[in-house]
């Protein structure tokens, strides 16, 4: 432990949270005609809910991607609970937050609010200790492999291939495109992508729950046999556990079925694992309950002998998923990369196909770029 960390630890026991502030920013997409599509959804903006927790002259931040109502939930349900609490044990406060929102709504918006607050608490503790977050967590790795993710279904072929080949050109050896909004168009899209990226890079696909069971089995076989696709994410709805299990059991042996980004509670992850409905489990630190929850899910993945993949939010996920023993990779998602670069100083860029947390910056290493963020504000007000 550094001298600064030792000094911080000495005063940490007396340190209490004195303020919580919440903000939301809505950033338009850069897709065709200002819109993006996947298999089941179309959107024109990405909303970030930012939570900051203050104690001992330091500020920790966390955020989630969701509706602006998440900000109101934090203010009404979580901020009053956190004020005055000791900062030493984020998992204890995580547990108290979960108990407090039982009737207000623990999954969904409640889980996303809790996630942002939990990340902020971990970031705050690391900053008070003068440590990068990766050094506070029980890390197994010093970097997280990434895959480039975007390839929206409304991209014209030239933009689709330019984006995915661009990631490969940056040294990222795996890329993902959205599929299954109009399945009949996918062969042309996949052929163009395979031609653009070459034979070696991995191609991942994401149907976002757009297909029915037998239709998904048909496309799983074609994706694998014709374009060497090795990953099919949410071929059917993640709520269709029997459908996921059927595809896992009957699909091509080298094509992995993945899901988990919409798991909000530990029970949701258990349901995906008992009996197994996926070949690789996913978790989103901004949805599942934050860093504390990811550490729990990491234990489940080890116990079930399955890898865990990080869903999106690369500036947060790079730190916490270094603490995942059975780490697979991290989704380097186009929208989130754009938003995080806009809102924060200290975001990470891939090197050699991986993100490596900066050991020289405390906490998450992020600072809000208020002047750049302000035009996109939809909730809260600028604070010190």
Protein backbone atom coordinates (compact mmCIF):
# COMPACT_ATOMS: atom_id res chain seq x y z
CA UNK A 1 0.00 0.00 0.00
CA UNK A 2 1.31 3.46 -0.90
CA UNK A 3 1.89 6.18 1.71
CA UNK A 4 -1.16 7.98 0.39
CA UNK A 5 -3.22 4.81 0.66
CA UNK A 6 -2.00 4.20 4.21
CA UNK A 7 -2.91 7.72 5.22
CA UNK A 8 -6.28 7.32 3.55
CA UNK A 9 -6.98 4.05 5.32
CA UNK A 10 -6.23 5.63 8.68
CA UNK A 11 -9.00 8.19 8.23
CA UNK A 12 -11.42 6.03 6.31
CA UNK A 13 -13.17 4.60 9.35
CA UNK A 14 -14.33 8.07 10.38
CA UNK A 15 -15.38 9.12 6.89
CA UNK A 16 -19.10 9.48 6.20
CA UNK A 17 -21.03 10.36 3.05
CA UNK A 18 -22.06 14.00 3.16
CA UNK A 19 -23.80 14.43 -0.20
CA UNK A 20 -25.17 12.60 -3.23
CA UNK A 21 -25.98 14.33 -6.51
CA UNK A 22 -27.59 12.90 -9.62
CA UNK A 23 -27.52 13.99 -13.26
CA UNK A 24 -28.78 12.65 -16.59
CA UNK A 25 -27.57 13.39 -20.11
CA UNK A 26 -29.22 12.39 -23.38
CA UNK A 27 -26.83 12.05 -26.33
CA UNK A 28 -28.25 11.63 -29.86
CA UNK A 29 -27.03 8.68 -31.89
CA UNK A 30 -24.96 9.07 -35.04
CA UNK A 31 -26.82 6.41 -37.01
CA UNK A 32 -28.53 6.87 -40.38
CA UNK A 33 -31.13 9.67 -40.11
CA UNK A 34 -30.18 9.91 -36.44
CA UNK A 35 -31.45 6.44 -35.59
CA UNK A 36 -30.07 2.99 -34.80
CA UNK A 37 -31.77 -0.41 -34.90
CA UNK A 38 -31.22 -3.92 -33.66
CA UNK A 39 -33.42 -6.99 -33.99
CA UNK A 40 -36.23 -5.68 -31.79
CA UNK A 41 -35.63 -2.00 -30.98
CA UNK A 42 -35.05 1.37 -32.63
CA UNK A 43 -33.66 4.42 -30.79
CA UNK A 44 -32.39 7.92 -31.47
CA UNK A 45 -30.46 8.72 -28.27
CA UNK A 46 -28.57 7.17 -25.36
CA UNK A 47 -29.33 8.42 -21.84
CA UNK A 48 -26.70 8.27 -19.11
CA UNK A 49 -27.66 8.63 -15.45
CA UNK A 50 -24.66 9.80 -13.43
CA UNK A 51 -24.48 9.41 -9.64
CA UNK A 52 -21.81 11.15 -7.57
CA UNK A 53 -21.16 10.39 -3.88
CA UNK A 54 -19.11 12.81 -1.76
CA UNK A 55 -17.15 12.15 1.44
CA UNK A 56 -13.90 13.27 3.02
CA UNK A 57 -13.21 15.82 0.29
CA UNK A 58 -13.38 13.16 -2.45
CA UNK A 59 -16.05 12.32 -5.01
CA UNK A 60 -16.88 8.91 -6.42
CA UNK A 61 -18.90 8.50 -9.59
CA UNK A 62 -20.96 5.78 -11.15
CA UNK A 63 -23.49 5.65 -13.94
CA UNK A 64 -25.98 3.54 -15.80
CA UNK A 65 -27.61 3.62 -19.20
CA UNK A 66 -31.39 3.86 -18.97
CA UNK A 67 -34.40 6.12 -18.83
CA UNK A 68 -34.20 9.44 -16.99
CA UNK A 69 -36.60 7.95 -14.42
CA UNK A 70 -33.58 6.11 -12.99
CA UNK A 71 -32.26 9.49 -11.82
CA UNK A 72 -35.49 10.22 -9.94
CA UNK A 73 -35.33 6.76 -8.36
CA UNK A 74 -31.83 7.41 -7.01
CA UNK A 75 -32.88 10.76 -5.57
CA UNK A 76 -36.06 9.49 -3.92
CA UNK A 77 -34.98 6.02 -2.78
CA UNK A 78 -31.20 5.76 -2.47
CA UNK A 79 -29.67 9.17 -1.78
CA UNK A 80 -31.45 9.60 1.61
CA UNK A 81 -30.28 6.13 2.63
CA UNK A 82 -26.64 6.79 1.71
CA UNK A 83 -26.19 10.18 3.34
CA UNK A 84 -24.40 9.91 6.66
CA UNK A 85 -23.23 6.32 6.08
CA UNK A 86 -19.64 5.13 6.49
CA UNK A 87 -17.74 4.64 3.23
CA UNK A 88 -15.69 1.61 4.27
CA UNK A 89 -17.97 -1.19 3.02
CA UNK A 90 -19.72 -0.72 -0.33
CA UNK A 91 -21.16 -4.30 -0.18
CA UNK A 92 -22.93 -3.49 3.10
CA UNK A 93 -24.49 -0.38 1.60
CA UNK A 94 -25.38 -2.39 -1.52
CA UNK A 95 -27.27 -4.84 0.71
CA UNK A 96 -29.06 -2.02 2.52
CA UNK A 97 -30.06 -0.41 -0.77
CA UNK A 98 -31.50 -3.72 -1.97
CA UNK A 99 -33.53 -4.10 1.20
CA UNK A 100 -34.79 -0.52 1.06
CA UNK A 101 -36.14 -0.75 -2.51
CA UNK A 102 -37.97 -4.04 -2.11
CA UNK A 103 -41.40 -2.45 -2.49
CA UNK A 104 -40.30 0.42 -4.75
CA UNK A 105 -39.07 -2.06 -7.37
CA UNK A 106 -35.81 -3.97 -7.04
CA UNK A 107 -35.39 -5.25 -10.64
CA UNK A 108 -35.37 -2.98 -13.68
CA UNK A 109 -35.10 0.71 -12.84
CA UNK A 110 -34.33 -0.10 -9.20
CA UNK A 111 -31.43 -2.38 -10.15
CA UNK A 112 -30.02 0.21 -12.53
CA UNK A 113 -30.19 2.93 -9.87
CA UNK A 114 -28.54 0.64 -7.34
CA UNK A 115 -25.85 -0.22 -9.91
CA UNK A 116 -24.86 3.41 -10.49
CA UNK A 117 -24.79 4.11 -6.75
CA UNK A 118 -22.76 0.98 -5.98
CA UNK A 119 -20.14 1.85 -8.61
CA UNK A 120 -19.90 5.37 -7.17
CA UNK A 121 -19.33 3.95 -3.68
CA UNK A 122 -16.48 1.72 -4.86
CA UNK A 123 -14.97 4.59 -6.84
CA UNK A 124 -15.19 6.85 -3.79
CA UNK A 125 -13.47 4.34 -1.51
CA UNK A 126 -10.66 3.82 -4.01
CA UNK A 127 -10.14 7.58 -4.38
CA UNK A 128 -10.06 8.09 -0.61
CA UNK A 129 -7.36 5.41 -0.43
CA UNK A 130 -5.45 6.90 -3.36
CA UNK A 131 -5.75 3.62 -5.29
CA UNK A 132 -6.88 2.76 -8.81
CA UNK A 133 -10.06 0.73 -8.50
CA UNK A 134 -8.39 -2.34 -9.98
CA UNK A 135 -6.03 -2.39 -6.96
CA UNK A 136 -8.94 -2.25 -4.50
CA UNK A 137 -10.75 -5.15 -6.16
CA UNK A 138 -9.59 -8.80 -5.98
CA UNK A 139 -8.09 -8.67 -9.47
CA UNK A 140 -7.08 -11.75 -11.47
CA UNK A 141 -6.13 -9.77 -14.60
CA UNK A 142 -4.56 -6.45 -15.53
CA UNK A 143 -6.48 -6.03 -18.79
CA UNK A 144 -9.75 -7.10 -20.41
CA UNK A 145 -9.96 -8.38 -24.02
CA UNK A 146 -12.59 -6.53 -26.06
CA UNK A 147 -14.74 -7.07 -29.11
CA UNK A 148 -15.94 -4.24 -31.33
CA UNK A 149 -19.73 -4.02 -31.22
CA UNK A 150 -22.18 -2.07 -33.35
CA UNK A 151 -23.14 -3.17 -36.84
CA UNK A 152 -26.72 -1.94 -36.43
CA UNK A 153 -29.38 -3.41 -38.70
CA UNK A 154 -30.12 -0.05 -40.38
CA UNK A 155 -26.50 0.56 -41.36
CA UNK A 156 -25.92 0.48 -45.12
CA UNK A 157 -23.39 -2.14 -46.17
CA UNK A 158 -20.55 0.33 -46.62
CA UNK A 159 -20.90 1.71 -43.11
CA UNK A 160 -21.35 -1.77 -41.65
CA UNK A 161 -18.18 -3.12 -43.21
CA UNK A 162 -16.17 0.05 -42.58
CA UNK A 163 -17.01 -0.02 -38.88
CA UNK A 164 -16.23 -3.68 -38.28
CA UNK A 165 -13.12 -3.73 -40.46
CA UNK A 166 -11.99 -0.57 -38.68
CA UNK A 167 -11.95 -2.36 -35.35
CA UNK A 168 -9.96 -5.22 -36.84
CA UNK A 169 -7.53 -2.63 -38.20
CA UNK A 170 -7.09 -1.34 -34.64
CA UNK A 171 -5.96 -4.78 -33.50
CA UNK A 172 -9.32 -5.98 -32.13
CA UNK A 173 -9.60 -9.60 -33.29
CA UNK A 174 -13.36 -10.02 -32.78
CA UNK A 175 -16.37 -7.98 -33.94
CA UNK A 176 -20.14 -8.16 -33.53
CA UNK A 177 -23.08 -7.11 -35.67
CA UNK A 178 -26.79 -6.94 -34.97
CA UNK A 179 -28.96 -9.40 -36.89
CA UNK A 180 -32.45 -10.81 -37.32
CA UNK A 181 -34.57 -7.68 -37.72
CA UNK A 182 -35.08 -8.75 -41.32
CA UNK A 183 -33.49 -12.22 -41.45
CA UNK A 184 -33.60 -12.36 -45.22
CA UNK A 185 -31.06 -9.52 -45.39
CA UNK A 186 -28.56 -11.15 -43.05
CA UNK A 187 -26.80 -13.42 -45.60
CA UNK A 188 -25.78 -10.41 -47.68
CA UNK A 189 -24.69 -8.51 -44.59
CA UNK A 190 -22.65 -11.40 -43.17
CA UNK A 191 -21.03 -12.10 -46.53
CA UNK A 192 -19.95 -8.46 -46.77
CA UNK A 193 -18.60 -8.47 -43.21
CA UNK A 194 -16.66 -11.71 -43.64
CA UNK A 195 -15.14 -10.39 -46.86
CA UNK A 196 -14.22 -7.07 -45.18
CA UNK A 197 -12.60 -8.47 -42.02
CA UNK A 198 -10.97 -11.55 -43.53
CA UNK A 199 -10.93 -15.17 -42.45
CA UNK A 200 -9.15 -14.89 -39.09
CA UNK A 201 -11.19 -12.43 -36.96
CA UNK A 202 -14.09 -13.83 -34.98
CA UNK A 203 -17.57 -12.73 -36.04
CA UNK A 204 -20.15 -12.49 -33.27
CA UNK A 205 -23.87 -11.94 -33.84
CA UNK A 206 -26.68 -10.57 -31.68
CA UNK A 207 -30.36 -11.13 -32.49
CA UNK A 208 -31.63 -9.23 -29.43
CA UNK A 209 -34.37 -11.81 -28.94
CA UNK A 210 -35.90 -11.31 -32.38
CA UNK A 211 -36.35 -14.96 -33.40
CA UNK A 212 -38.64 -17.83 -32.46
CA UNK A 213 -37.09 -21.14 -31.41
CA UNK A 214 -37.03 -23.16 -34.65
CA UNK A 215 -36.25 -20.08 -36.72
CA UNK A 216 -33.32 -19.37 -34.41
CA UNK A 217 -32.06 -22.95 -34.76
CA UNK A 218 -32.16 -22.63 -38.55
CA UNK A 219 -30.17 -19.38 -38.51
CA UNK A 220 -27.74 -20.67 -35.89
CA UNK A 221 -26.77 -23.47 -38.26
CA UNK A 222 -26.47 -21.16 -41.25
CA UNK A 223 -24.48 -18.53 -39.36
CA UNK A 224 -22.01 -21.17 -38.26
CA UNK A 225 -21.74 -23.21 -41.45
CA UNK A 226 -21.64 -20.37 -43.99
CA UNK A 227 -19.83 -17.52 -42.20
CA UNK A 228 -18.01 -19.31 -39.35
CA UNK A 229 -19.95 -17.39 -36.71
CA UNK A 230 -19.02 -18.67 -33.24
CA UNK A 231 -21.33 -16.53 -31.02
CA UNK A 232 -25.10 -16.01 -31.18
CA UNK A 233 -26.41 -13.71 -28.48
CA UNK A 234 -30.04 -13.75 -27.40
CA UNK A 235 -31.29 -15.69 -30.44
CA UNK A 236 -34.63 -15.82 -28.64
CA UNK A 237 -35.85 -13.67 -25.79
CA UNK A 238 -33.68 -14.00 -22.69
CA UNK A 239 -36.93 -14.70 -20.84
CA UNK A 240 -37.35 -17.88 -22.94
CA UNK A 241 -35.04 -20.08 -20.90
CA UNK A 242 -36.33 -23.29 -22.47
CA UNK A 243 -35.67 -21.84 -25.92
CA UNK A 244 -32.12 -20.87 -25.01
CA UNK A 245 -31.50 -24.36 -23.61
CA UNK A 246 -32.85 -25.98 -26.77
CA UNK A 247 -30.52 -23.87 -28.92
CA UNK A 248 -27.56 -24.55 -26.63
CA UNK A 249 -28.19 -28.29 -26.80
CA UNK A 250 -29.16 -28.65 -30.48
CA UNK A 251 -27.18 -25.91 -32.20
CA UNK A 252 -23.73 -26.28 -33.78
CA UNK A 253 -21.17 -27.40 -31.24
CA UNK A 254 -18.78 -24.52 -31.99
CA UNK A 255 -21.48 -21.84 -31.90
CA UNK A 256 -21.93 -20.44 -28.40
CA UNK A 257 -25.27 -19.20 -27.11
CA UNK A 258 -24.94 -16.13 -24.87
CA UNK A 259 -27.31 -14.13 -22.67
CA UNK A 260 -27.38 -12.30 -19.35
CA UNK A 261 -27.31 -8.58 -20.16
CA UNK A 262 -30.88 -8.23 -18.86
CA UNK A 263 -30.27 -10.10 -15.62
CA UNK A 264 -31.09 -7.71 -12.78
CA UNK A 265 -30.82 -9.99 -9.75
CA UNK A 266 -28.65 -12.89 -8.64
CA UNK A 267 -31.65 -15.16 -9.13
CA UNK A 268 -31.83 -14.12 -12.79
CA UNK A 269 -28.28 -15.41 -13.29
CA UNK A 270 -29.01 -18.63 -11.42
CA UNK A 271 -31.98 -19.22 -13.73
CA UNK A 272 -29.63 -18.97 -16.74
CA UNK A 273 -27.27 -21.50 -15.16
CA UNK A 274 -29.49 -24.15 -13.54
CA UNK A 275 -29.73 -26.05 -15.81
CA UNK A 276 -27.42 -24.17 -18.17
CA UNK A 277 -29.17 -22.10 -20.85
CA UNK A 278 -25.99 -20.45 -22.17
CA UNK A 279 -22.45 -21.40 -23.17
CA UNK A 280 -21.11 -18.03 -22.03
CA UNK A 281 -22.80 -15.86 -19.43
CA UNK A 282 -23.06 -12.08 -19.76
CA UNK A 283 -23.40 -9.43 -17.06
CA UNK A 284 -23.89 -5.67 -17.27
CA UNK A 285 -22.33 -3.80 -14.33
CA UNK A 286 -24.75 -0.90 -14.92
CA UNK A 287 -27.84 -3.12 -14.68
CA UNK A 288 -27.17 -6.13 -12.47
CA UNK A 289 -26.49 -4.23 -9.24
CA UNK A 290 -23.06 -2.75 -9.81
CA UNK A 291 -19.60 -3.95 -8.90
CA UNK A 292 -20.74 -5.82 -5.79
CA UNK A 293 -23.19 -7.83 -7.89
CA UNK A 294 -20.62 -8.60 -10.61
CA UNK A 295 -18.35 -10.10 -7.95
CA UNK A 296 -21.21 -12.39 -6.89
CA UNK A 297 -21.95 -13.41 -10.47
CA UNK A 298 -18.24 -14.08 -11.05
CA UNK A 299 -18.43 -16.69 -8.32
CA UNK A 300 -21.43 -18.32 -9.99
CA UNK A 301 -19.56 -18.53 -13.30
CA UNK A 302 -16.62 -20.28 -11.64
CA UNK A 303 -18.89 -22.73 -9.86
CA UNK A 304 -20.67 -23.59 -13.15
CA UNK A 305 -17.44 -23.73 -15.22
CA UNK A 306 -18.66 -21.03 -17.61
CA UNK A 307 -16.92 -17.86 -18.75
CA UNK A 308 -18.38 -14.43 -18.00
CA UNK A 309 -18.48 -11.66 -20.60
CA UNK A 310 -18.94 -7.97 -19.80
CA UNK A 311 -21.83 -6.20 -21.48
CA UNK A 312 -20.98 -2.64 -22.55
CA UNK A 313 -20.03 0.43 -20.40
CA UNK A 314 -16.32 -0.10 -21.16
CA UNK A 315 -15.03 2.71 -18.93
CA UNK A 316 -16.57 0.98 -15.90
CA UNK A 317 -16.36 -2.63 -16.97
CA UNK A 318 -12.63 -2.64 -17.65
CA UNK A 319 -11.85 -2.25 -13.93
CA UNK A 320 -14.43 -4.57 -12.42
CA UNK A 321 -14.04 -7.41 -14.91
CA UNK A 322 -10.35 -7.64 -14.12
CA UNK A 323 -11.70 -9.17 -10.89
CA UNK A 324 -13.60 -11.91 -12.79
CA UNK A 325 -11.65 -15.15 -12.69
CA UNK A 326 -13.38 -16.74 -15.71
CA UNK A 327 -13.24 -13.60 -17.81
CA UNK A 328 -14.03 -13.95 -21.52
CA UNK A 329 -14.17 -10.43 -22.95
CA UNK A 330 -15.84 -7.00 -22.87
CA UNK A 331 -18.26 -5.48 -25.36
CA UNK A 332 -16.66 -2.32 -26.76
CA UNK A 333 -20.02 -0.89 -27.82
CA UNK A 334 -20.12 1.95 -30.34
CA UNK A 335 -22.75 4.06 -28.55
CA UNK A 336 -21.18 3.78 -25.12
CA UNK A 337 -17.69 4.51 -26.40
CA UNK A 338 -19.01 7.72 -28.01
CA UNK A 339 -20.89 8.81 -24.90
CA UNK A 340 -18.10 8.04 -22.45
CA UNK A 341 -15.54 9.92 -24.52
CA UNK A 342 -17.90 12.89 -24.66
CA UNK A 343 -18.67 12.99 -20.93
CA UNK A 344 -15.44 11.90 -19.26
CA UNK A 345 -11.73 12.48 -19.23
CA UNK A 346 -9.74 9.31 -18.55
CA UNK A 347 -11.56 6.83 -20.80
CA UNK A 348 -9.52 3.91 -22.09
CA UNK A 349 -8.54 3.02 -25.65
CA UNK A 350 -7.89 -0.57 -26.78
CA UNK A 351 -4.28 -1.66 -27.09
CA UNK A 352 -3.57 -5.05 -28.60
CA UNK A 353 -7.27 -5.88 -28.52
CA UNK A 354 -7.71 -5.17 -24.79
CA UNK A 355 -8.48 -2.37 -22.32
CA UNK A 356 -6.02 -1.89 -19.49
CA UNK A 357 -7.03 0.23 -16.46
CA UNK A 358 -4.61 3.07 -15.77
CA UNK A 359 -2.65 2.25 -12.58
CA UNK A 360 -1.69 5.90 -12.20
CA UNK A 361 -5.23 7.29 -11.76
CA UNK A 362 -7.27 6.83 -8.55
CA UNK A 363 -10.62 5.09 -8.64
CA UNK A 364 -12.05 4.60 -12.09
CA UNK A 365 -9.74 7.31 -13.36
CA UNK A 366 -12.68 9.29 -14.76
CA UNK A 367 -13.47 12.99 -14.43
CA UNK A 368 -16.64 14.62 -15.74
CA UNK A 369 -16.20 17.07 -18.61
CA UNK A 370 -18.97 19.38 -17.44
CA UNK A 371 -18.73 21.93 -20.24
CA UNK A 372 -19.04 19.22 -22.86
CA UNK A 373 -21.82 17.40 -21.01
CA UNK A 374 -24.03 20.39 -20.21
CA UNK A 375 -25.73 20.74 -23.64
CA UNK A 376 -27.07 17.21 -23.22
CA UNK A 377 -28.46 17.59 -19.69
CA UNK A 378 -32.02 16.35 -19.09
CA UNK A 379 -31.94 16.02 -15.27
CA UNK A 380 -30.25 17.70 -12.32
CA UNK A 381 -28.06 20.77 -12.12
CA UNK A 382 -24.33 21.40 -12.16
CA UNK A 383 -22.78 21.08 -8.69
CA UNK A 384 -19.28 21.56 -7.31
